PDB file of N, CA and C in Angstrom:
ATOM      1  N   MET A   1     -45.436  21.038 193.977  1.00  0.00           N
ATOM      2  CA  MET A   1     -44.635  20.502 195.054  1.00  0.00           C
ATOM      3  C   MET A   1     -43.150  20.714 194.730  1.00  0.00           C
ATOM      4  N   LYS A   2     -42.403  21.160 195.726  1.00  0.00           N
ATOM      5  CA  LYS A   2     -40.964  21.361 195.535  1.00  0.00           C
ATOM      6  C   LYS A   2     -40.238  20.031 195.589  1.00  0.00           C
ATOM      7  N   LYS A   3     -39.237  19.898 194.724  1.00  0.00           N
ATOM      8  CA  LYS A   3     -38.409  18.702 194.705  1.00  0.00           C
ATOM      9  C   LYS A   3     -36.948  19.109 194.658  1.00  0.00           C
ATOM     10  N   LEU A   4     -36.094  18.178 195.049  1.00  0.00           N
ATOM     11  CA  LEU A   4     -34.652  18.371 194.959  1.00  0.00           C
ATOM     12  C   LEU A   4     -34.144  17.742 193.669  1.00  0.00           C
ATOM     13  N   TYR A   5     -33.239  18.446 193.011  1.00  0.00           N
ATOM     14  CA  TYR A   5     -32.661  17.969 191.755  1.00  0.00           C
ATOM     15  C   TYR A   5     -31.145  18.087 191.793  1.00  0.00           C
ATOM     16  N   GLU A   6     -30.501  17.065 191.288  1.00  0.00           N
ATOM     17  CA  GLU A   6     -29.067  17.164 191.050  1.00  0.00           C
ATOM     18  C   GLU A   6     -28.884  17.881 189.727  1.00  0.00           C
ATOM     19  N   PHE A   7     -27.934  18.788 189.708  1.00  0.00           N
ATOM     20  CA  PHE A   7     -27.662  19.612 188.531  1.00  0.00           C
ATOM     21  C   PHE A   7     -26.200  19.382 188.149  1.00  0.00           C
ATOM     22  N   PRO A   8     -25.933  18.305 187.389  1.00  0.00           N
ATOM     23  CA  PRO A   8     -24.543  18.003 187.045  1.00  0.00           C
ATOM     24  C   PRO A   8     -24.016  18.957 185.967  1.00  0.00           C
ATOM     25  N   LEU A   9     -22.898  19.543 186.252  1.00  0.00           N
ATOM     26  CA  LEU A   9     -22.251  20.429 185.286  1.00  0.00           C
ATOM     27  C   LEU A   9     -20.981  19.756 184.767  1.00  0.00           C
ATOM     28  N   PRO A  10     -20.661  19.939 183.497  1.00  0.00           N
ATOM     29  CA  PRO A  10     -19.472  19.310 182.930  1.00  0.00           C
ATOM     30  C   PRO A  10     -18.191  20.080 183.236  1.00  0.00           C
ATOM     31  N   VAL A  11     -18.029  20.442 184.493  1.00  0.00           N
ATOM     32  CA  VAL A  11     -16.841  21.158 184.943  1.00  0.00           C
ATOM     33  C   VAL A  11     -16.370  20.457 186.206  1.00  0.00           C
ATOM     34  N   HIS A  12     -15.106  20.157 186.271  1.00  0.00           N
ATOM     35  CA  HIS A  12     -14.587  19.433 187.424  1.00  0.00           C
ATOM     36  C   HIS A  12     -13.565  20.308 188.145  1.00  0.00           C
ATOM     37  N   LYS A  13     -12.344  20.243 187.734  1.00  0.00           N
ATOM     38  CA  LYS A  13     -11.303  21.123 188.264  1.00  0.00           C
ATOM     39  C   LYS A  13     -10.592  21.714 187.062  1.00  0.00           C
ATOM     40  N   GLN A  14     -10.390  23.013 187.079  1.00  0.00           N
ATOM     41  CA  GLN A  14      -9.891  23.673 185.883  1.00  0.00           C
ATOM     42  C   GLN A  14      -8.585  23.082 185.369  1.00  0.00           C
ATOM     43  N   GLY A  15      -7.647  22.783 186.243  1.00  0.00           N
ATOM     44  CA  GLY A  15      -6.374  22.204 185.801  1.00  0.00           C
ATOM     45  C   GLY A  15      -6.545  20.790 185.269  1.00  0.00           C
ATOM     46  N   ASP A  16      -7.324  19.991 185.977  1.00  0.00           N
ATOM     47  CA  ASP A  16      -7.584  18.619 185.529  1.00  0.00           C
ATOM     48  C   ASP A  16      -8.328  18.615 184.203  1.00  0.00           C
ATOM     49  N   ASP A  17      -9.318  19.498 184.078  1.00  0.00           N
ATOM     50  CA  ASP A  17     -10.076  19.567 182.831  1.00  0.00           C
ATOM     51  C   ASP A  17      -9.164  19.948 181.664  1.00  0.00           C
ATOM     52  N   LEU A  18      -8.341  20.957 181.866  1.00  0.00           N
ATOM     53  CA  LEU A  18      -7.429  21.379 180.798  1.00  0.00           C
ATOM     54  C   LEU A  18      -6.426  20.267 180.482  1.00  0.00           C
ATOM     55  N   ALA A  19      -5.910  19.606 181.494  1.00  0.00           N
ATOM     56  CA  ALA A  19      -4.952  18.518 181.263  1.00  0.00           C
ATOM     57  C   ALA A  19      -5.573  17.423 180.404  1.00  0.00           C
ATOM     58  N   GLY A  20      -6.829  17.118 180.641  1.00  0.00           N
ATOM     59  CA  GLY A  20      -7.512  16.113 179.822  1.00  0.00           C
ATOM     60  C   GLY A  20      -7.608  16.537 178.378  1.00  0.00           C
ATOM     61  N   HIS A  21      -7.868  17.820 178.144  1.00  0.00           N
ATOM     62  CA  HIS A  21      -7.938  18.316 176.763  1.00  0.00           C
ATOM     63  C   HIS A  21      -6.553  18.311 176.119  1.00  0.00           C
ATOM     64  N   VAL A  22      -5.537  18.695 176.884  1.00  0.00           N
ATOM     65  CA  VAL A  22      -4.163  18.679 176.352  1.00  0.00           C
ATOM     66  C   VAL A  22      -3.793  17.269 175.910  1.00  0.00           C
ATOM     67  N   GLU A  23      -4.195  16.286 176.717  1.00  0.00           N
ATOM     68  CA  GLU A  23      -3.877  14.892 176.413  1.00  0.00           C
ATOM     69  C   GLU A  23      -4.544  14.408 175.132  1.00  0.00           C
ATOM     70  N   HIS A  24      -5.748  14.905 174.848  1.00  0.00           N
ATOM     71  CA  HIS A  24      -6.511  14.388 173.714  1.00  0.00           C
ATOM     72  C   HIS A  24      -6.513  15.279 172.481  1.00  0.00           C
ATOM     73  N   CYS A  25      -5.976  16.468 172.582  1.00  0.00           N
ATOM     74  CA  CYS A  25      -5.948  17.388 171.440  1.00  0.00           C
ATOM     75  C   CYS A  25      -4.557  17.396 170.815  1.00  0.00           C
ATOM     76  N   ASN A  26      -4.495  17.833 169.562  1.00  0.00           N
ATOM     77  CA  ASN A  26      -3.220  17.867 168.843  1.00  0.00           C
ATOM     78  C   ASN A  26      -2.323  19.017 169.266  1.00  0.00           C
ATOM     79  N   THR A  27      -2.922  20.134 169.661  1.00  0.00           N
ATOM     80  CA  THR A  27      -2.128  21.297 170.067  1.00  0.00           C
ATOM     81  C   THR A  27      -2.713  21.891 171.354  1.00  0.00           C
ATOM     82  N   HIS A  28      -1.915  22.714 172.000  1.00  0.00           N
ATOM     83  CA  HIS A  28      -2.409  23.383 173.205  1.00  0.00           C
ATOM     84  C   HIS A  28      -3.489  24.398 172.860  1.00  0.00           C
ATOM     85  N   ARG A  29      -3.410  24.983 171.688  1.00  0.00           N
ATOM     86  CA  ARG A  29      -4.459  25.914 171.233  1.00  0.00           C
ATOM     87  C   ARG A  29      -5.792  25.158 171.137  1.00  0.00           C
ATOM     88  N   GLU A  30      -5.759  23.976 170.516  1.00  0.00           N
ATOM     89  CA  GLU A  30      -6.977  23.159 170.421  1.00  0.00           C
ATOM     90  C   GLU A  30      -7.488  22.785 171.815  1.00  0.00           C
ATOM     91  N   ALA A  31      -6.568  22.502 172.722  1.00  0.00           N
ATOM     92  CA  ALA A  31      -6.955  22.133 174.083  1.00  0.00           C
ATOM     93  C   ALA A  31      -7.693  23.286 174.764  1.00  0.00           C
ATOM     94  N   LEU A  32      -7.177  24.503 174.622  1.00  0.00           N
ATOM     95  CA  LEU A  32      -7.846  25.660 175.223  1.00  0.00           C
ATOM     96  C   LEU A  32      -9.210  25.904 174.594  1.00  0.00           C
ATOM     97  N   LEU A  33      -9.306  25.747 173.286  1.00  0.00           N
ATOM     98  CA  LEU A  33     -10.593  25.930 172.623  1.00  0.00           C
ATOM     99  C   LEU A  33     -11.584  24.844 173.053  1.00  0.00           C
ATOM    100  N   SER A  34     -11.099  23.647 173.232  1.00  0.00           N
ATOM    101  CA  SER A  34     -11.947  22.557 173.697  1.00  0.00           C
ATOM    102  C   SER A  34     -12.434  22.814 175.129  1.00  0.00           C
ATOM    103  N   LEU A  35     -11.544  23.320 175.972  1.00  0.00           N
ATOM    104  CA  LEU A  35     -11.928  23.690 177.337  1.00  0.00           C
ATOM    105  C   LEU A  35     -12.976  24.797 177.307  1.00  0.00           C
ATOM    106  N   ALA A  36     -12.795  25.765 176.424  1.00  0.00           N
ATOM    107  CA  ALA A  36     -13.771  26.853 176.297  1.00  0.00           C
ATOM    108  C   ALA A  36     -15.138  26.295 175.896  1.00  0.00           C
ATOM    109  N   GLU A  37     -15.169  25.327 174.993  1.00  0.00           N
ATOM    110  CA  GLU A  37     -16.432  24.703 174.604  1.00  0.00           C
ATOM    111  C   GLU A  37     -17.086  24.004 175.798  1.00  0.00           C
ATOM    112  N   GLN A  38     -16.274  23.337 176.608  1.00  0.00           N
ATOM    113  CA  GLN A  38     -16.775  22.664 177.808  1.00  0.00           C
ATOM    114  C   GLN A  38     -17.432  23.690 178.734  1.00  0.00           C
ATOM    115  N   PHE A  39     -16.775  24.826 178.942  1.00  0.00           N
ATOM    116  CA  PHE A  39     -17.330  25.875 179.794  1.00  0.00           C
ATOM    117  C   PHE A  39     -18.601  26.478 179.191  1.00  0.00           C
ATOM    118  N   GLU A  40     -18.647  26.594 177.859  1.00  0.00           N
ATOM    119  CA  GLU A  40     -19.838  27.125 177.197  1.00  0.00           C
ATOM    120  C   GLU A  40     -21.036  26.196 177.402  1.00  0.00           C
ATOM    121  N   VAL A  41     -20.793  24.888 177.345  1.00  0.00           N
ATOM    122  CA  VAL A  41     -21.868  23.926 177.612  1.00  0.00           C
ATOM    123  C   VAL A  41     -22.382  24.117 179.040  1.00  0.00           C
ATOM    124  N   ALA A  42     -21.465  24.250 179.997  1.00  0.00           N
ATOM    125  CA  ALA A  42     -21.858  24.463 181.388  1.00  0.00           C
ATOM    126  C   ALA A  42     -22.649  25.773 181.533  1.00  0.00           C
ATOM    127  N   ALA A  43     -22.193  26.814 180.867  1.00  0.00           N
ATOM    128  CA  ALA A  43     -22.891  28.103 180.936  1.00  0.00           C
ATOM    129  C   ALA A  43     -24.291  27.994 180.335  1.00  0.00           C
ATOM    130  N   ASP A  44     -24.434  27.280 179.220  1.00  0.00           N
ATOM    131  CA  ASP A  44     -25.744  27.100 178.602  1.00  0.00           C
ATOM    132  C   ASP A  44     -26.694  26.337 179.532  1.00  0.00           C
ATOM    133  N   LEU A  45     -26.173  25.313 180.215  1.00  0.00           N
ATOM    134  CA  LEU A  45     -26.998  24.568 181.166  1.00  0.00           C
ATOM    135  C   LEU A  45     -27.462  25.477 182.307  1.00  0.00           C
ATOM    136  N   CYS A  46     -26.562  26.300 182.821  1.00  0.00           N
ATOM    137  CA  CYS A  46     -26.927  27.245 183.885  1.00  0.00           C
ATOM    138  C   CYS A  46     -28.011  28.203 183.411  1.00  0.00           C
ATOM    139  N   ARG A  47     -27.879  28.692 182.200  1.00  0.00           N
ATOM    140  CA  ARG A  47     -28.889  29.609 181.652  1.00  0.00           C
ATOM    141  C   ARG A  47     -30.248  28.919 181.521  1.00  0.00           C
ATOM    142  N   ARG A  48     -30.250  27.664 181.057  1.00  0.00           N
ATOM    143  CA  ARG A  48     -31.515  26.934 180.896  1.00  0.00           C
ATOM    144  C   ARG A  48     -32.224  26.789 182.237  1.00  0.00           C
ATOM    145  N   VAL A  49     -31.481  26.415 183.265  1.00  0.00           N
ATOM    146  CA  VAL A  49     -32.093  26.255 184.586  1.00  0.00           C
ATOM    147  C   VAL A  49     -32.563  27.609 185.107  1.00  0.00           C
ATOM    148  N   ALA A  50     -31.749  28.629 184.987  1.00  0.00           N
ATOM    149  CA  ALA A  50     -32.115  29.958 185.490  1.00  0.00           C
ATOM    150  C   ALA A  50     -33.371  30.495 184.811  1.00  0.00           C
ATOM    151  N   ARG A  51     -33.517  30.231 183.521  1.00  0.00           N
ATOM    152  CA  ARG A  51     -34.707  30.716 182.799  1.00  0.00           C
ATOM    153  C   ARG A  51     -35.982  30.012 183.246  1.00  0.00           C
ATOM    154  N   LYS A  52     -35.881  28.754 183.636  1.00  0.00           N
ATOM    155  CA  LYS A  52     -37.050  27.987 184.079  1.00  0.00           C
ATOM    156  C   LYS A  52     -37.368  28.199 185.553  1.00  0.00           C
ATOM    157  N   ALA A  53     -36.367  28.520 186.336  1.00  0.00           N
ATOM    158  CA  ALA A  53     -36.503  28.577 187.793  1.00  0.00           C
ATOM    159  C   ALA A  53     -37.482  29.658 188.229  1.00  0.00           C
ATOM    160  N   GLY A  54     -38.198  29.347 189.296  1.00  0.00           N
ATOM    161  CA  GLY A  54     -39.110  30.322 189.878  1.00  0.00           C
ATOM    162  C   GLY A  54     -38.379  31.258 190.823  1.00  0.00           C
ATOM    163  N   ASP A  55     -39.102  32.239 191.321  1.00  0.00           N
ATOM    164  CA  ASP A  55     -38.511  33.201 192.245  1.00  0.00           C
ATOM    165  C   ASP A  55     -38.080  32.552 193.556  1.00  0.00           C
ATOM    166  N   ASP A  56     -38.716  31.434 193.912  1.00  0.00           N
ATOM    167  CA  ASP A  56     -38.382  30.758 195.164  1.00  0.00           C
ATOM    168  C   ASP A  56     -37.417  29.582 194.967  1.00  0.00           C
ATOM    169  N   PHE A  57     -36.855  29.458 193.790  1.00  0.00           N
ATOM    170  CA  PHE A  57     -35.825  28.455 193.492  1.00  0.00           C
ATOM    171  C   PHE A  57     -34.631  28.678 194.415  1.00  0.00           C
ATOM    172  N   SER A  58     -33.941  27.590 194.782  1.00  0.00           N
ATOM    173  CA  SER A  58     -32.738  27.783 195.597  1.00  0.00           C
ATOM    174  C   SER A  58     -31.699  26.712 195.312  1.00  0.00           C
ATOM    175  N   VAL A  59     -30.449  27.097 195.539  1.00  0.00           N
ATOM    176  CA  VAL A  59     -29.334  26.157 195.489  1.00  0.00           C
ATOM    177  C   VAL A  59     -29.201  25.617 196.903  1.00  0.00           C
ATOM    178  N   GLU A  60     -29.444  24.330 197.057  1.00  0.00           N
ATOM    179  CA  GLU A  60     -29.429  23.710 198.381  1.00  0.00           C
ATOM    180  C   GLU A  60     -28.041  23.254 198.789  1.00  0.00           C
ATOM    181  N   CYS A  61     -27.247  22.862 197.819  1.00  0.00           N
ATOM    182  CA  CYS A  61     -25.906  22.348 198.105  1.00  0.00           C
ATOM    183  C   CYS A  61     -25.047  22.554 196.873  1.00  0.00           C
ATOM    184  N   ALA A  62     -23.885  23.118 197.068  1.00  0.00           N
ATOM    185  CA  ALA A  62     -22.936  23.304 195.968  1.00  0.00           C
ATOM    186  C   ALA A  62     -21.572  22.870 196.480  1.00  0.00           C
ATOM    187  N   GLU A  63     -21.201  21.654 196.153  1.00  0.00           N
ATOM    188  CA  GLU A  63     -19.945  21.070 196.607  1.00  0.00           C
ATOM    189  C   GLU A  63     -19.083  20.742 195.391  1.00  0.00           C
ATOM    190  N   ALA A  64     -17.918  20.228 195.654  1.00  0.00           N
ATOM    191  CA  ALA A  64     -16.949  19.951 194.598  1.00  0.00           C
ATOM    192  C   ALA A  64     -17.507  19.053 193.501  1.00  0.00           C
ATOM    193  N   HIS A  65     -18.302  18.075 193.867  1.00  0.00           N
ATOM    194  CA  HIS A  65     -18.749  17.097 192.884  1.00  0.00           C
ATOM    195  C   HIS A  65     -20.251  17.119 192.626  1.00  0.00           C
ATOM    196  N   MET A  66     -20.954  18.047 193.227  1.00  0.00           N
ATOM    197  CA  MET A  66     -22.404  17.988 193.103  1.00  0.00           C
ATOM    198  C   MET A  66     -23.030  19.354 193.375  1.00  0.00           C
ATOM    199  N   VAL A  67     -24.074  19.661 192.602  1.00  0.00           N
ATOM    200  CA  VAL A  67     -24.907  20.825 192.857  1.00  0.00           C
ATOM    201  C   VAL A  67     -26.331  20.296 192.996  1.00  0.00           C
ATOM    202  N   ILE A  68     -27.003  20.683 194.067  1.00  0.00           N
ATOM    203  CA  ILE A  68     -28.387  20.283 194.277  1.00  0.00           C
ATOM    204  C   ILE A  68     -29.227  21.549 194.391  1.00  0.00           C
ATOM    205  N   ILE A  69     -30.297  21.572 193.606  1.00  0.00           N
ATOM    206  CA  ILE A  69     -31.201  22.717 193.620  1.00  0.00           C
ATOM    207  C   ILE A  69     -32.587  22.239 194.026  1.00  0.00           C
ATOM    208  N   SER A  70     -33.441  23.180 194.407  1.00  0.00           N
ATOM    209  CA  SER A  70     -34.841  22.842 194.659  1.00  0.00           C
ATOM    210  C   SER A  70     -35.726  23.857 193.958  1.00  0.00           C
ATOM    211  N   ASP A  71     -36.829  23.348 193.427  1.00  0.00           N
ATOM    212  CA  ASP A  71     -37.827  24.197 192.789  1.00  0.00           C
ATOM    213  C   ASP A  71     -39.082  23.362 192.575  1.00  0.00           C
ATOM    214  N   GLU A  72     -40.102  24.018 192.124  1.00  0.00           N
ATOM    215  CA  GLU A  72     -41.373  23.342 191.869  1.00  0.00           C
ATOM    216  C   GLU A  72     -41.205  22.317 190.742  1.00  0.00           C
ATOM    217  N   GLU A  73     -41.746  21.148 190.997  1.00  0.00           N
ATOM    218  CA  GLU A  73     -41.664  20.054 190.027  1.00  0.00           C
ATOM    219  C   GLU A  73     -42.223  20.471 188.671  1.00  0.00           C
ATOM    220  N   SER A  74     -43.318  21.198 188.678  1.00  0.00           N
ATOM    221  CA  SER A  74     -43.951  21.588 187.417  1.00  0.00           C
ATOM    222  C   SER A  74     -43.050  22.457 186.550  1.00  0.00           C
ATOM    223  N   ARG A  75     -42.196  23.251 187.172  1.00  0.00           N
ATOM    224  CA  ARG A  75     -41.275  24.098 186.399  1.00  0.00           C
ATOM    225  C   ARG A  75     -40.061  23.318 185.907  1.00  0.00           C
ATOM    226  N   MET A  76     -39.593  22.400 186.724  1.00  0.00           N
ATOM    227  CA  MET A  76     -38.346  21.701 186.419  1.00  0.00           C
ATOM    228  C   MET A  76     -38.539  20.424 185.609  1.00  0.00           C
ATOM    229  N   GLU A  77     -39.770  19.954 185.511  1.00  0.00           N
ATOM    230  CA  GLU A  77     -40.045  18.706 184.805  1.00  0.00           C
ATOM    231  C   GLU A  77     -39.495  18.682 183.373  1.00  0.00           C
ATOM    232  N   PRO A  78     -39.649  19.763 182.573  1.00  0.00           N
ATOM    233  CA  PRO A  78     -39.076  19.721 181.224  1.00  0.00           C
ATOM    234  C   PRO A  78     -37.550  19.529 181.226  1.00  0.00           C
ATOM    235  N   LEU A  79     -36.868  20.108 182.210  1.00  0.00           N
ATOM    236  CA  LEU A  79     -35.416  19.949 182.290  1.00  0.00           C
ATOM    237  C   LEU A  79     -35.049  18.541 182.754  1.00  0.00           C
ATOM    238  N   GLU A  80     -35.898  17.963 183.574  1.00  0.00           N
ATOM    239  CA  GLU A  80     -35.671  16.577 183.985  1.00  0.00           C
ATOM    240  C   GLU A  80     -35.873  15.648 182.788  1.00  0.00           C
ATOM    241  N   GLU A  81     -36.896  15.913 181.999  1.00  0.00           N
ATOM    242  CA  GLU A  81     -37.150  15.110 180.796  1.00  0.00           C
ATOM    243  C   GLU A  81     -36.000  15.219 179.796  1.00  0.00           C
ATOM    244  N   ASP A  82     -35.376  16.402 179.728  1.00  0.00           N
ATOM    245  CA  ASP A  82     -34.230  16.621 178.830  1.00  0.00           C
ATOM    246  C   ASP A  82     -32.910  16.158 179.437  1.00  0.00           C
ATOM    247  N   GLU A  83     -32.963  15.583 180.636  1.00  0.00           N
ATOM    248  CA  GLU A  83     -31.795  15.092 181.365  1.00  0.00           C
ATOM    249  C   GLU A  83     -30.767  16.183 181.665  1.00  0.00           C
ATOM    250  N   VAL A  84     -31.285  17.388 181.944  1.00  0.00           N
ATOM    251  CA  VAL A  84     -30.451  18.478 182.439  1.00  0.00           C
ATOM    252  C   VAL A  84     -30.376  18.361 183.959  1.00  0.00           C
ATOM    253  N   LEU A  85     -31.498  17.978 184.563  1.00  0.00           N
ATOM    254  CA  LEU A  85     -31.604  17.773 186.011  1.00  0.00           C
ATOM    255  C   LEU A  85     -32.038  16.341 186.278  1.00  0.00           C
ATOM    256  N   PHE A  86     -31.690  15.860 187.481  1.00  0.00           N
ATOM    257  CA  PHE A  86     -32.074  14.516 187.893  1.00  0.00           C
ATOM    258  C   PHE A  86     -32.610  14.591 189.316  1.00  0.00           C
ATOM    259  N   GLU A  87     -33.769  13.974 189.540  1.00  0.00           N
ATOM    260  CA  GLU A  87     -34.326  13.990 190.885  1.00  0.00           C
ATOM    261  C   GLU A  87     -33.337  13.365 191.858  1.00  0.00           C
ATOM    262  N   VAL A  88     -33.162  14.029 193.000  1.00  0.00           N
ATOM    263  CA  VAL A  88     -32.254  13.519 194.023  1.00  0.00           C
ATOM    264  C   VAL A  88     -32.933  12.348 194.715  1.00  0.00           C
ATOM    265  N   LYS A  89     -32.237  11.263 194.756  1.00  0.00           N
ATOM    266  CA  LYS A  89     -32.731  10.091 195.488  1.00  0.00           C
ATOM    267  C   LYS A  89     -32.045  10.117 196.845  1.00  0.00           C
ATOM    268  N   GLU A  90     -31.239   9.142 197.143  1.00  0.00           N
ATOM    269  CA  GLU A  90     -30.581   9.112 198.440  1.00  0.00           C
ATOM    270  C   GLU A  90     -29.071   9.093 198.341  1.00  0.00           C
ATOM    271  N   ASP A  91     -28.540   8.956 197.148  1.00  0.00           N
ATOM    272  CA  ASP A  91     -27.096   8.798 196.996  1.00  0.00           C
ATOM    273  C   ASP A  91     -26.391  10.139 196.790  1.00  0.00           C
ATOM    274  N   VAL A  92     -26.465  11.000 197.802  1.00  0.00           N
ATOM    275  CA  VAL A  92     -25.767  12.280 197.748  1.00  0.00           C
ATOM    276  C   VAL A  92     -24.524  12.196 198.625  1.00  0.00           C
ATOM    277  N   CYS A  93     -23.585  13.082 198.376  1.00  0.00           N
ATOM    278  CA  CYS A  93     -22.349  13.082 199.160  1.00  0.00           C
ATOM    279  C   CYS A  93     -22.645  13.425 200.621  1.00  0.00           C
ATOM    280  N   GLU A  94     -21.738  13.067 201.504  1.00  0.00           N
ATOM    281  CA  GLU A  94     -21.928  13.298 202.944  1.00  0.00           C
ATOM    282  C   GLU A  94     -22.098  14.782 203.258  1.00  0.00           C
ATOM    283  N   GLU A  95     -21.302  15.637 202.582  1.00  0.00           N
ATOM    284  CA  GLU A  95     -21.400  17.075 202.827  1.00  0.00           C
ATOM    285  C   GLU A  95     -22.798  17.599 202.491  1.00  0.00           C
ATOM    286  N   CYS A  96     -23.358  17.105 201.364  1.00  0.00           N
ATOM    287  CA  CYS A  96     -24.704  17.541 200.979  1.00  0.00           C
ATOM    288  C   CYS A  96     -25.757  16.948 201.900  1.00  0.00           C
ATOM    289  N   LYS A  97     -25.573  15.697 202.324  1.00  0.00           N
ATOM    290  CA  LYS A  97     -26.533  15.102 203.261  1.00  0.00           C
ATOM    291  C   LYS A  97     -26.641  15.961 204.516  1.00  0.00           C
ATOM    292  N   THR A  98     -25.486  16.413 205.015  1.00  0.00           N
ATOM    293  CA  THR A  98     -25.466  17.243 206.212  1.00  0.00           C
ATOM    294  C   THR A  98     -26.217  18.541 205.978  1.00  0.00           C
ATOM    295  N   LYS A  99     -25.999  19.169 204.833  1.00  0.00           N
ATOM    296  CA  LYS A  99     -26.661  20.442 204.547  1.00  0.00           C
ATOM    297  C   LYS A  99     -28.154  20.267 204.305  1.00  0.00           C
ATOM    298  N   LEU A 100     -28.549  19.134 203.733  1.00  0.00           N
ATOM    299  CA  LEU A 100     -29.953  18.922 203.400  1.00  0.00           C
ATOM    300  C   LEU A 100     -30.784  18.480 204.591  1.00  0.00           C
ATOM    301  N   ASN A 101     -30.133  17.966 205.622  1.00  0.00           N
ATOM    302  CA  ASN A 101     -30.877  17.477 206.798  1.00  0.00           C
ATOM    303  C   ASN A 101     -30.943  18.503 207.900  1.00  0.00           C
TER     304      ASN A 101
END
């Protein structure tokens, strides 16, 4: 059975993300390296989902604060157990609600 999953990525807005690293790192070089690590984590999460996804997998909604995908529960269950994906309940943004309905 296909289910909807929220796919949270640790990327928000590039300038805001970098500013947060600048604020918490000792140097701007460290801040850029920290931002690169953040992007690498996001890339690894994308790879994990892509490797598990079936041919009929789809991105249902990709908005500023949320990505929602759909795929067979049996394929995505290990990622849900690892807290990479979360089953979509009802608390999605208005833009995604419109696209999903």
